[in-house]
Protein backbone atom coordinates (compact mmCIF):
# COMPACT_ATOMS: atom_id res chain seq x y z
CA MET A 1 38.44 127.47 116.00
CA VAL A 2 39.82 126.82 112.58
CA GLU A 3 42.41 129.52 111.58
CA MET A 4 41.06 130.02 108.14
CA PRO A 5 40.10 133.12 106.20
CA GLU A 6 36.53 134.23 105.67
CA ALA A 7 35.35 135.52 102.26
CA HIS A 8 35.60 139.21 101.75
CA PRO A 9 34.57 141.29 98.64
CA GLU A 10 37.94 143.20 98.85
CA ASP A 11 40.97 142.81 96.66
CA SER A 12 38.93 141.96 93.65
CA GLY A 13 40.61 141.99 90.30
CA ARG A 14 44.30 141.30 89.38
CA ASN A 15 46.00 143.98 91.31
CA LEU A 16 49.76 143.22 91.10
CA ARG A 17 50.52 145.76 93.84
CA THR A 18 48.76 143.49 96.38
CA CYS A 19 50.53 140.43 95.06
CA GLY A 20 53.83 142.14 95.87
CA GLN A 21 53.16 142.82 99.54
CA GLY A 22 54.59 140.26 101.97
CA ALA A 23 53.02 138.30 104.79
CA PRO A 24 53.79 139.20 108.38
CA ASN A 25 57.31 138.28 109.31
CA VAL A 26 57.05 135.54 111.91
CA ALA A 27 60.73 135.33 112.12
CA ALA A 28 61.09 138.89 113.21
CA ARG A 29 62.04 137.88 116.83
CA ARG A 30 65.28 136.54 115.68
CA GLU A 31 66.30 138.60 112.61
CA PRO A 32 63.86 141.23 111.27
CA SER A 33 65.61 141.60 107.96
CA ARG A 34 65.72 137.89 107.07
CA PRO A 35 62.25 136.34 107.03
CA GLU A 36 63.63 133.78 104.56
CA GLU A 37 65.18 131.77 107.34
CA SER A 38 63.86 128.53 108.75
CA GLU A 39 60.44 129.93 109.79
CA LEU A 40 59.33 130.97 106.24
CA ILE A 41 56.66 128.19 106.18
CA ASP A 42 55.11 129.70 109.27
CA ALA A 43 54.76 132.96 107.38
CA VAL A 44 53.07 131.12 104.48
CA VAL A 45 50.32 129.57 106.72
CA GLU A 46 49.95 132.57 108.96
CA ARG A 47 46.23 133.46 109.29
CA GLU A 48 46.34 136.96 107.66
CA ASN A 49 48.46 135.77 104.81
CA MET A 50 46.09 132.90 104.06
CA LYS A 51 43.12 135.28 104.24
CA ARG A 52 44.77 137.53 101.65
CA ALA A 53 45.57 134.53 99.44
CA LEU A 54 42.01 133.29 99.61
CA ARG A 55 40.60 136.69 98.62
CA ARG A 56 42.96 136.77 95.63
CA VAL A 57 41.96 133.24 94.55
CA GLN A 58 38.31 134.09 94.89
CA ALA A 59 38.69 137.30 92.94
CA ASN A 60 40.56 135.52 90.14
CA LYS A 61 37.96 132.72 90.02
CA GLY A 62 39.32 130.23 87.37
CA ALA A 63 38.31 126.81 86.26
CA PRO A 64 38.51 123.69 88.55
CA GLY A 65 41.56 121.44 88.62
CA VAL A 66 41.67 117.63 88.48
CA ASP A 67 39.40 117.32 91.61
CA GLY A 68 36.60 119.27 90.10
CA MET A 69 36.43 121.68 93.20
CA THR A 70 35.29 125.14 92.27
CA VAL A 71 36.60 128.35 93.94
CA ASP A 72 33.15 128.73 95.52
CA GLU A 73 33.58 125.28 97.19
CA LEU A 74 37.04 126.02 98.53
CA LEU A 75 36.07 127.88 101.74
CA PRO A 76 33.67 125.19 103.11
CA TYR A 77 36.33 122.62 102.32
CA LEU A 78 38.89 124.58 104.21
CA ARG A 79 36.74 124.94 107.24
CA ARG A 80 36.70 121.16 107.45
CA GLU A 81 40.22 120.27 106.32
CA TRP A 82 42.51 123.24 107.09
CA PRO A 83 43.91 121.85 110.42
CA ARG A 84 45.21 118.72 108.50
CA ILE A 85 46.46 120.68 105.44
CA LYS A 86 48.32 123.17 107.73
CA GLU A 87 50.03 120.39 109.62
CA GLU A 88 51.12 118.74 106.47
CA LEU A 89 52.57 122.05 105.16
CA LEU A 90 54.41 122.67 108.48
CA ASN A 91 55.84 119.12 108.60
CA GLY A 92 56.72 118.91 104.97
CA THR A 93 54.43 116.03 104.01
CA TYR A 94 51.96 118.05 101.89
CA ARG A 95 51.76 116.79 98.27
CA PRO A 96 50.18 118.89 95.40
CA ALA A 97 47.53 117.28 93.16
CA PRO A 98 48.41 116.89 89.39
CA VAL A 99 47.55 119.91 87.28
CA ARG A 100 44.80 119.65 84.61
CA THR A 101 46.34 120.38 81.26
CA VAL A 102 44.43 122.55 78.62
CA GLU A 103 45.70 123.45 75.27
CA ILE A 104 44.75 127.06 74.09
CA PRO A 105 45.62 128.44 70.65
CA LYS A 106 48.61 130.76 70.36
CA PRO A 107 48.10 134.31 69.05
CA GLY A 108 47.75 134.23 65.29
CA GLY A 109 46.75 130.57 65.31
CA LYS A 110 50.30 129.29 65.16
CA GLY A 111 50.15 126.13 67.18
CA THR A 112 48.93 125.77 70.81
CA ARG A 113 50.13 126.65 74.32
CA MET A 114 49.78 124.12 77.20
CA LEU A 115 48.27 125.61 80.38
CA GLY A 116 48.34 123.64 83.62
CA ILE A 117 45.38 124.34 85.92
CA PRO A 118 46.13 123.53 89.53
CA THR A 119 43.33 122.58 91.94
CA ALA A 120 41.66 125.54 93.84
CA LEU A 121 43.45 124.42 96.98
CA ASP A 122 46.86 124.42 95.34
CA ARG A 123 46.25 127.83 93.79
CA LEU A 124 45.59 129.00 97.31
CA ILE A 125 48.80 127.57 98.60
CA GLN A 126 50.76 128.89 95.69
CA GLN A 127 49.27 132.36 96.16
CA ALA A 128 50.28 132.27 99.83
CA LEU A 129 53.75 131.27 98.94
CA HIS A 130 53.88 134.09 96.27
CA GLN A 131 53.03 136.62 98.94
CA VAL A 132 55.83 135.78 101.23
CA MET A 133 58.42 135.06 98.64
CA SER A 134 57.83 138.12 96.40
CA PRO A 135 59.27 140.63 99.00
CA LEU A 136 62.46 138.53 99.33
CA PHE A 137 63.24 138.81 95.70
CA GLU A 138 61.57 141.98 94.32
CA PRO A 139 64.11 144.50 95.78
CA TYR A 140 66.86 142.68 93.83
CA PHE A 141 65.06 142.38 90.45
CA SER A 142 66.24 144.55 87.55
CA GLU A 143 64.73 148.00 86.76
CA SER A 144 64.51 146.74 83.18
CA SER A 145 62.13 143.79 84.07
CA TYR A 146 58.44 144.61 83.81
CA GLY A 147 56.48 141.35 83.69
CA PHE A 148 54.32 140.25 86.63
CA ARG A 149 55.75 142.75 89.09
CA PRO A 150 54.05 145.05 91.54
CA GLY A 151 53.72 148.64 90.21
CA ARG A 152 54.94 147.58 86.67
CA SER A 153 53.05 146.92 83.49
CA ALA A 154 53.43 146.18 79.72
CA HIS A 155 52.91 149.90 79.09
CA ASP A 156 55.96 150.77 81.20
CA ALA A 157 58.02 148.31 79.17
CA VAL A 158 56.79 149.67 75.76
CA LEU A 159 57.60 153.26 76.87
CA GLN A 160 61.11 152.25 77.96
CA ALA A 161 61.69 150.51 74.69
CA GLN A 162 60.60 153.69 72.85
CA ALA A 163 63.03 155.74 74.98
CA HIS A 164 66.02 153.40 74.13
CA VAL A 165 65.33 153.84 70.42
CA GLU A 166 64.97 157.63 70.79
CA SER A 167 68.34 157.69 72.59
CA GLY A 168 70.00 156.47 69.37
CA LYS A 169 69.87 152.66 69.86
CA ARG A 170 68.16 152.01 66.49
CA TRP A 171 68.83 148.25 66.26
CA VAL A 172 67.10 145.68 68.31
CA VAL A 173 68.07 142.16 69.24
CA ASP A 174 64.85 140.29 69.52
CA MET A 175 65.36 137.11 71.61
CA ASP A 176 62.74 134.35 71.42
CA LEU A 177 63.11 131.58 74.04
CA GLU A 178 61.58 128.39 72.65
CA LYS A 179 58.82 126.97 74.83
CA PHE A 180 60.29 128.78 77.88
CA PHE A 181 57.78 127.56 80.46
CA ASP A 182 58.07 123.98 79.23
CA ARG A 183 61.84 123.86 79.30
CA VAL A 184 62.80 125.33 82.70
CA ASN A 185 65.43 123.17 84.34
CA HIS A 186 64.19 122.33 87.85
CA ASP A 187 67.69 122.10 89.45
CA ILE A 188 68.86 125.42 88.06
CA LEU A 189 65.70 127.18 89.15
CA MET A 190 65.74 125.72 92.64
CA SER A 191 69.35 126.81 93.08
CA ARG A 192 68.31 130.36 92.28
CA VAL A 193 65.33 130.18 94.67
CA ALA A 194 67.73 128.82 97.41
CA ARG A 195 69.89 131.98 97.17
CA ARG A 196 67.21 133.80 99.23
CA VAL A 197 65.05 130.93 100.69
CA SER A 198 66.69 128.61 103.21
CA ASP A 199 63.49 127.00 104.75
CA LYS A 200 63.90 123.42 103.50
CA ARG A 201 60.15 122.82 103.86
CA VAL A 202 59.44 125.70 101.51
CA LEU A 203 62.10 124.62 99.01
CA LYS A 204 60.63 121.07 99.11
CA LEU A 205 57.09 122.38 98.55
CA ILE A 206 58.20 124.49 95.56
CA ARG A 207 59.92 121.50 93.95
CA SER A 208 56.92 119.32 94.56
CA TYR A 209 54.87 121.88 92.68
CA LEU A 210 57.39 121.86 89.82
CA GLN A 211 57.25 118.08 89.75
CA ALA A 212 53.45 117.63 90.14
CA GLY A 213 52.25 115.42 87.38
CA MET A 214 50.11 116.65 84.36
CA MET A 215 46.73 115.01 83.79
CA GLN A 216 45.48 114.83 80.25
CA GLY A 217 42.76 112.49 78.97
CA GLY A 218 42.60 110.86 82.42
CA LEU A 219 46.21 109.90 82.44
CA VAL A 220 48.92 111.45 84.62
CA SER A 221 52.43 112.05 83.23
CA VAL A 222 55.47 112.82 85.33
CA ARG A 223 57.12 116.29 84.67
CA ARG A 224 60.95 116.51 84.84
CA GLU A 225 61.20 120.03 83.55
CA GLY A 226 59.17 123.09 83.00
CA THR A 227 56.89 125.24 85.10
CA PRO A 228 53.37 125.13 83.60
CA GLN A 229 51.52 128.41 82.96
CA GLY A 230 48.42 128.72 85.06
CA GLY A 231 49.47 128.74 88.67
CA PRO A 232 50.03 131.89 90.76
CA LEU A 233 53.61 130.92 91.49
CA SER A 234 54.87 130.45 87.89
CA PRO A 235 55.39 134.13 87.02
CA LEU A 236 57.60 134.71 90.06
CA LEU A 237 59.64 131.61 89.49
CA SER A 238 60.14 132.76 85.80
CA ASN A 239 61.50 136.09 87.09
CA ILE A 240 63.73 134.45 89.54
CA LEU A 241 65.30 132.31 86.81
CA LEU A 242 65.54 135.09 84.25
CA ASP A 243 67.02 137.57 86.74
CA ASP A 244 70.34 135.93 85.84
CA LEU A 245 69.79 137.11 82.29
CA ASP A 246 68.96 140.55 83.49
CA LYS A 247 72.07 140.76 85.64
CA GLU A 248 74.22 139.52 82.75
CA LEU A 249 72.79 142.32 80.47
CA GLU A 250 73.38 144.92 83.21
CA ARG A 251 76.90 143.75 83.68
CA ARG A 252 77.48 144.26 79.98
CA GLY A 253 75.98 147.68 80.12
CA HIS A 254 73.12 146.92 77.66
CA ALA A 255 69.88 148.83 77.22
CA PHE A 256 67.05 146.20 77.38
CA CYS A 257 63.40 145.54 78.31
CA ARG A 258 62.21 142.21 79.53
CA TYR A 259 58.51 141.29 80.08
CA ALA A 260 58.44 137.60 81.30
CA ASP A 261 60.29 135.59 78.63
CA ASP A 262 59.92 138.47 76.06
CA CYS A 263 63.33 140.29 75.92
CA THR A 264 64.59 142.98 73.56
CA ILE A 265 68.02 144.54 73.71
CA TYR A 266 68.73 147.85 71.95
CA VAL A 267 72.07 148.63 70.37
CA GLN A 268 73.56 151.12 67.92
CA SER A 269 74.61 148.94 64.97
CA GLN A 270 73.66 145.67 63.35
CA ARG A 271 77.18 144.33 63.94
CA ALA A 272 76.84 145.01 67.70
CA GLY A 273 73.48 143.36 67.59
CA GLU A 274 74.74 140.20 66.03
CA ARG A 275 77.55 139.91 68.62
CA VAL A 276 75.05 140.33 71.45
CA MET A 277 72.79 137.68 69.84
CA GLU A 278 75.65 135.24 69.61
CA THR A 279 76.97 135.69 73.16
CA LEU A 280 73.64 135.82 74.75
CA THR A 281 72.56 132.55 73.00
CA ARG A 282 75.67 130.88 74.52
CA PHE A 283 74.82 132.29 78.01
CA LEU A 284 71.15 131.25 77.94
CA GLU A 285 71.84 127.79 76.51
CA GLY A 286 74.93 127.11 78.49
CA LYS A 287 74.26 128.63 81.92
CA LEU A 288 70.47 128.45 82.15
CA LYS A 289 69.90 125.46 79.89
CA LEU A 290 67.20 127.36 77.96
CA LYS A 291 66.83 127.07 74.19
CA VAL A 292 66.91 130.09 71.93
CA ASN A 293 64.59 129.76 68.90
CA ARG A 294 67.02 130.82 66.19
CA GLU A 295 64.28 131.04 63.50
CA LYS A 296 62.29 133.65 65.40
CA SER A 297 65.20 135.48 67.09
CA THR A 298 66.68 138.25 64.98
CA VAL A 299 68.67 141.53 64.76
CA ASP A 300 66.47 144.14 63.00
CA ARG A 301 65.26 147.71 63.08
CA PRO A 302 62.68 148.33 65.90
CA TRP A 303 60.08 149.59 63.43
CA ARG A 304 60.17 146.25 61.62
CA ARG A 305 59.57 144.32 64.88
CA LYS A 306 56.85 144.20 67.47
CA PHE A 307 57.24 144.21 71.33
CA LEU A 308 54.21 143.47 73.52
CA GLY A 309 51.79 144.11 70.62
CA TYR A 310 53.33 147.52 69.68
CA SER A 311 55.67 148.75 67.04
CA MET A 312 57.01 152.23 66.34
CA THR A 313 57.87 154.67 63.48
CA PHE A 314 61.38 155.12 61.92
CA HIS A 315 61.58 158.78 62.99
CA LYS A 316 64.40 160.22 65.07
CA LYS A 317 61.76 160.53 67.84
CA PRO A 318 59.89 157.40 67.09
CA ARG A 319 56.11 157.20 67.62
CA LEU A 320 54.38 154.24 68.98
CA LYS A 321 51.80 152.42 66.86
CA VAL A 322 49.76 149.20 66.93
CA ALA A 323 51.72 146.43 65.33
CA SER A 324 50.14 145.00 62.09
CA GLU A 325 50.00 141.51 63.68
CA SER A 326 47.98 142.92 66.57
CA VAL A 327 45.43 144.38 64.18
CA LYS A 328 45.17 141.16 62.25
CA ARG A 329 44.60 139.10 65.49
CA PHE A 330 42.06 141.69 66.70
CA LYS A 331 40.04 141.39 63.36
CA ALA A 332 40.23 137.56 63.40
CA LYS A 333 38.81 137.60 67.06
CA VAL A 334 36.03 139.85 66.05
CA LYS A 335 35.19 137.84 63.03
CA GLU A 336 35.04 134.69 65.10
CA ILE A 337 32.57 136.33 67.64
CA LEU A 338 30.45 137.36 64.73
CA ARG A 339 30.53 134.02 63.23
CA ARG A 340 29.59 132.31 66.55
CA GLY A 341 26.86 134.95 66.95
CA ARG A 342 24.80 133.92 63.98
CA GLY A 343 21.36 133.07 65.08
CA ARG A 344 21.68 134.89 68.41
CA SER A 345 20.25 138.33 69.05
CA LEU A 346 22.06 141.42 67.99
CA ARG A 347 22.03 142.63 71.64
CA CYS A 348 23.76 139.48 72.81
CA THR A 349 26.56 139.84 70.17
CA ILE A 350 27.06 143.57 70.95
CA ASP A 351 27.24 142.70 74.67
CA THR A 352 30.05 140.14 73.88
CA LEU A 353 32.02 142.56 71.63
CA ILE A 354 31.96 145.68 73.84
CA PRO A 355 34.36 144.48 76.59
CA ILE A 356 36.68 143.13 73.88
CA LEU A 357 36.65 146.48 72.05
CA ARG A 358 37.24 148.43 75.26
CA GLY A 359 40.04 146.16 76.44
CA TRP A 360 41.73 146.33 73.16
CA SER A 361 41.54 150.20 72.83
CA ASN A 362 42.57 150.59 76.47
CA TYR A 363 45.70 148.46 76.02
CA PHE A 364 46.73 150.30 72.85
CA LYS A 365 46.00 153.73 74.27
CA LEU A 366 49.75 154.61 74.07
CA ALA A 367 49.62 154.41 70.27
CA GLN A 368 50.55 157.86 68.80
CA VAL A 369 49.71 156.78 65.23
CA LYS A 370 45.91 157.00 65.30
CA ASN A 371 44.87 156.08 61.76
CA VAL A 372 44.59 152.43 62.67
CA PHE A 373 41.73 153.21 65.02
CA GLU A 374 39.91 155.20 62.30
CA GLU A 375 40.35 152.32 59.85
CA LEU A 376 39.07 149.72 62.48
CA ASP A 377 36.13 151.96 63.24
CA GLY A 378 35.20 151.98 59.53
CA TRP A 379 35.77 148.21 59.21
CA LEU A 380 33.52 147.49 62.27
CA ARG A 381 30.73 149.62 60.84
CA ARG A 382 30.66 147.83 57.48
């Protein structure tokens, strides 16, 4: 009987808490506290771990990769092919397929962002890897890191940023990493992964995902740096690499918030902020081989900047508000929906708008300056 998960309706949605739980520790017989030793690949392919991974991939759905296989077609395929795939994973001969590249517009229409869509099978394997690797790294991540972590959210990061400013740190160092996901150095990243993972088959598998080709227009190009956004493993790998930045900031005693590659450091004076900007730029470019976008990075007052779509007032006890850029993007999105809706029924257009309006208002529910919601309500009713 093939040891492969059956479809279950459970675990629907993107519940980060589930992602953070680990697979059963098959290395427990030898050393319970060290599942990262040589048997880690066995934990990856273990039946219950794969069942959880399959449920997650099915819940997230997603577009097909280069092979055209949909998520709905994945389970029948696994019932036929899982013994072979499992054997290849165990003996280190599995080779991921190239990712299908898709360009999506950046917020505000300033350029495009490249997404890499793995095949449904590779999304499953990456998710299974994520589930066993996350518990090895999570306990050591910074309390000031919020992105793609179980039990943490963008709202938590925004509230912490507000608390830093309220404590008297009324200058912010706003660091922008230029094309972070495209510029990750594979050797540096793998050395960080190897700090807690010693199973060479797992290390080889992760590197093969980093180096999987990118297919665009029917042509496959080799990738020598970067970890494309779109796979379940990329967020964890980005946190593993940027944990070095977190630890450096903690060593210096700085107050900061990081959500993925979006990092803000809070200081008491402009001069201190400029010093931090200079030394951190050297650290990021020298030690991690990441490029700081000097045009977008700046030292400024927090109420003149935005963080995760929010800004704040200049008061001694600052109040959160929706950043003006977020309002502009929201209006542009609504206008585009209305433009595309010409010729369609009013009911159809409303059905398209309602989840967007609800999602936007729910995300910005922390805003304490409410006039923007009244203005948008009037704008929508015009």
